[in-house]
């Protein structure tokens, strides 16, 4: 027997709509990462971008368990001495709520060029509206 790999021209990508309202962050992120990677398809190939496009709405209404709203912090560094900054989850939820879901999904994808390419298939919006109505989105429940 010989293993047959799918070719790039044979990949069919679909568009999905996911409503993040009252969804738990980690569980939602892991399901989205699997769909973005293409692991839900029968002919999954690990070295190719086989995943589908995903549009997420209501990213500001995602839930976290425990005391993460009070205790969780995000760290970043500018690269200069003394350039470290910490932001709490409450502050980020009020300013750029899409970042919480984006950062969670990004951590579940490969940390290489393929992961960066896959991440471009993800569109996150904090409200109900989105500009992707022409793509005939299929709504899926997670």
Protein backbone atom coordinates (compact mmCIF):
# COMPACT_ATOMS: atom_id res chain seq x y z
CA UNK A 1 0.00 0.00 0.00
CA UNK A 2 1.06 3.55 -0.63
CA UNK A 3 0.05 6.63 1.32
CA UNK A 4 -1.48 9.20 -0.98
CA UNK A 5 -1.30 12.86 -0.05
CA UNK A 6 -3.78 15.44 -1.21
CA UNK A 7 -2.57 18.14 -3.56
CA UNK A 8 -3.04 21.86 -2.97
CA UNK A 9 -5.40 22.20 -5.93
CA UNK A 10 -7.72 19.51 -4.49
CA UNK A 11 -8.28 21.26 -1.14
CA UNK A 12 -11.80 22.61 -0.72
CA UNK A 13 -12.16 25.36 1.89
CA UNK A 14 -15.47 26.32 3.43
CA UNK A 15 -16.57 29.28 5.54
CA UNK A 16 -18.03 28.75 9.01
CA UNK A 17 -19.71 31.13 11.45
CA UNK A 18 -19.30 30.59 15.19
CA UNK A 19 -21.12 32.55 17.89
CA UNK A 20 -18.89 32.86 20.98
CA UNK A 21 -21.70 34.12 23.22
CA UNK A 22 -21.60 32.24 26.58
CA UNK A 23 -18.94 29.80 25.33
CA UNK A 24 -16.00 28.80 27.56
CA UNK A 25 -12.74 30.18 26.15
CA UNK A 26 -10.51 27.09 26.24
CA UNK A 27 -13.06 24.61 24.92
CA UNK A 28 -14.09 26.96 22.13
CA UNK A 29 -10.48 27.70 21.19
CA UNK A 30 -9.49 24.05 20.94
CA UNK A 31 -12.41 23.22 18.63
CA UNK A 32 -11.65 26.25 16.44
CA UNK A 33 -7.95 25.33 16.27
CA UNK A 34 -8.85 21.83 15.05
CA UNK A 35 -11.09 23.20 12.31
CA UNK A 36 -8.52 25.81 11.27
CA UNK A 37 -5.83 23.14 11.06
CA UNK A 38 -8.09 20.80 9.05
CA UNK A 39 -8.00 17.90 11.49
CA UNK A 40 -11.75 17.41 11.11
CA UNK A 41 -11.26 16.31 7.48
CA UNK A 42 -10.72 12.76 6.36
CA UNK A 43 -7.73 13.54 4.15
CA UNK A 44 -5.77 15.62 6.73
CA UNK A 45 -2.15 16.23 5.79
CA UNK A 46 0.03 17.67 8.52
CA UNK A 47 2.30 19.83 6.32
CA UNK A 48 -0.43 21.69 4.39
CA UNK A 49 -3.02 24.37 5.12
CA UNK A 50 -6.15 22.23 4.82
CA UNK A 51 -8.39 24.07 7.27
CA UNK A 52 -11.46 26.14 6.63
CA UNK A 53 -12.17 29.83 7.16
CA UNK A 54 -13.80 30.73 10.46
CA UNK A 55 -15.68 33.90 11.36
CA UNK A 56 -16.29 34.40 15.07
CA UNK A 57 -18.86 36.90 16.33
CA UNK A 58 -19.58 38.11 19.89
CA UNK A 59 -15.97 37.58 20.98
CA UNK A 60 -16.50 40.05 23.81
CA UNK A 61 -19.07 37.74 25.44
CA UNK A 62 -16.82 34.69 25.83
CA UNK A 63 -16.74 33.21 29.36
CA UNK A 64 -13.83 32.18 31.53
CA UNK A 65 -14.01 29.76 34.44
CA UNK A 66 -12.74 30.37 37.95
CA UNK A 67 -11.21 33.71 38.96
CA UNK A 68 -9.45 34.33 35.65
CA UNK A 69 -11.24 37.67 35.20
CA UNK A 70 -9.40 38.97 38.25
CA UNK A 71 -6.14 37.01 38.23
CA UNK A 72 -5.14 36.47 34.58
CA UNK A 73 -2.55 38.86 33.13
CA UNK A 74 -1.02 39.19 29.67
CA UNK A 75 2.69 39.97 29.41
CA UNK A 76 4.49 41.73 26.57
CA UNK A 77 7.94 43.19 26.11
CA UNK A 78 9.08 45.88 23.71
CA UNK A 79 12.64 44.54 23.45
CA UNK A 80 14.16 47.52 25.22
CA UNK A 81 15.46 47.49 28.81
CA UNK A 82 12.56 48.08 31.17
CA UNK A 83 10.06 47.60 28.34
CA UNK A 84 7.94 44.94 30.02
CA UNK A 85 4.23 45.58 30.38
CA UNK A 86 1.47 43.60 32.04
CA UNK A 87 -2.22 43.98 31.31
CA UNK A 88 -5.04 42.36 33.22
CA UNK A 89 -7.80 40.47 31.47
CA UNK A 90 -10.37 43.05 32.58
CA UNK A 91 -8.48 45.87 30.85
CA UNK A 92 -8.01 43.91 27.64
CA UNK A 93 -11.66 42.81 27.62
CA UNK A 94 -12.70 46.48 27.69
CA UNK A 95 -10.21 47.74 25.08
CA UNK A 96 -9.65 44.95 22.53
CA UNK A 97 -11.76 41.94 23.40
CA UNK A 98 -10.87 40.07 20.18
CA UNK A 99 -7.30 39.64 21.43
CA UNK A 100 -8.34 37.21 24.18
CA UNK A 101 -9.77 34.68 21.73
CA UNK A 102 -7.07 35.34 19.11
CA UNK A 103 -4.24 34.74 21.58
CA UNK A 104 -5.84 31.55 22.89
CA UNK A 105 -6.28 30.07 19.40
CA UNK A 106 -2.81 31.16 18.28
CA UNK A 107 -1.26 29.21 21.15
CA UNK A 108 -2.97 26.02 19.97
CA UNK A 109 -1.65 26.19 16.40
CA UNK A 110 1.86 25.23 15.19
CA UNK A 111 4.51 27.83 16.01
CA UNK A 112 6.02 28.08 12.54
CA UNK A 113 5.28 29.50 9.08
CA UNK A 114 2.36 27.12 8.60
CA UNK A 115 0.77 28.32 11.82
CA UNK A 116 1.03 31.93 10.66
CA UNK A 117 -0.60 31.00 7.35
CA UNK A 118 -3.41 29.11 9.07
CA UNK A 119 -4.08 32.01 11.45
CA UNK A 120 -4.94 34.24 8.49
CA UNK A 121 -8.06 32.11 7.95
CA UNK A 122 -9.48 33.34 11.27
CA UNK A 123 -11.70 36.44 11.46
CA UNK A 124 -12.81 37.65 14.90
CA UNK A 125 -15.40 40.37 15.63
CA UNK A 126 -16.60 41.62 18.99
CA UNK A 127 -20.17 42.42 17.93
CA UNK A 128 -22.94 40.66 16.01
CA UNK A 129 -22.09 42.12 12.60
CA UNK A 130 -19.36 41.04 10.19
CA UNK A 131 -18.48 41.90 6.56
CA UNK A 132 -18.43 38.28 5.30
CA UNK A 133 -22.07 37.81 4.31
CA UNK A 134 -21.17 37.13 0.66
CA UNK A 135 -19.26 33.95 1.57
CA UNK A 136 -22.47 32.05 2.49
CA UNK A 137 -21.33 31.09 5.97
CA UNK A 138 -22.44 27.82 7.52
CA UNK A 139 -23.31 28.29 11.18
CA UNK A 140 -21.92 25.61 13.47
CA UNK A 141 -22.59 25.06 17.17
CA UNK A 142 -19.71 24.15 19.45
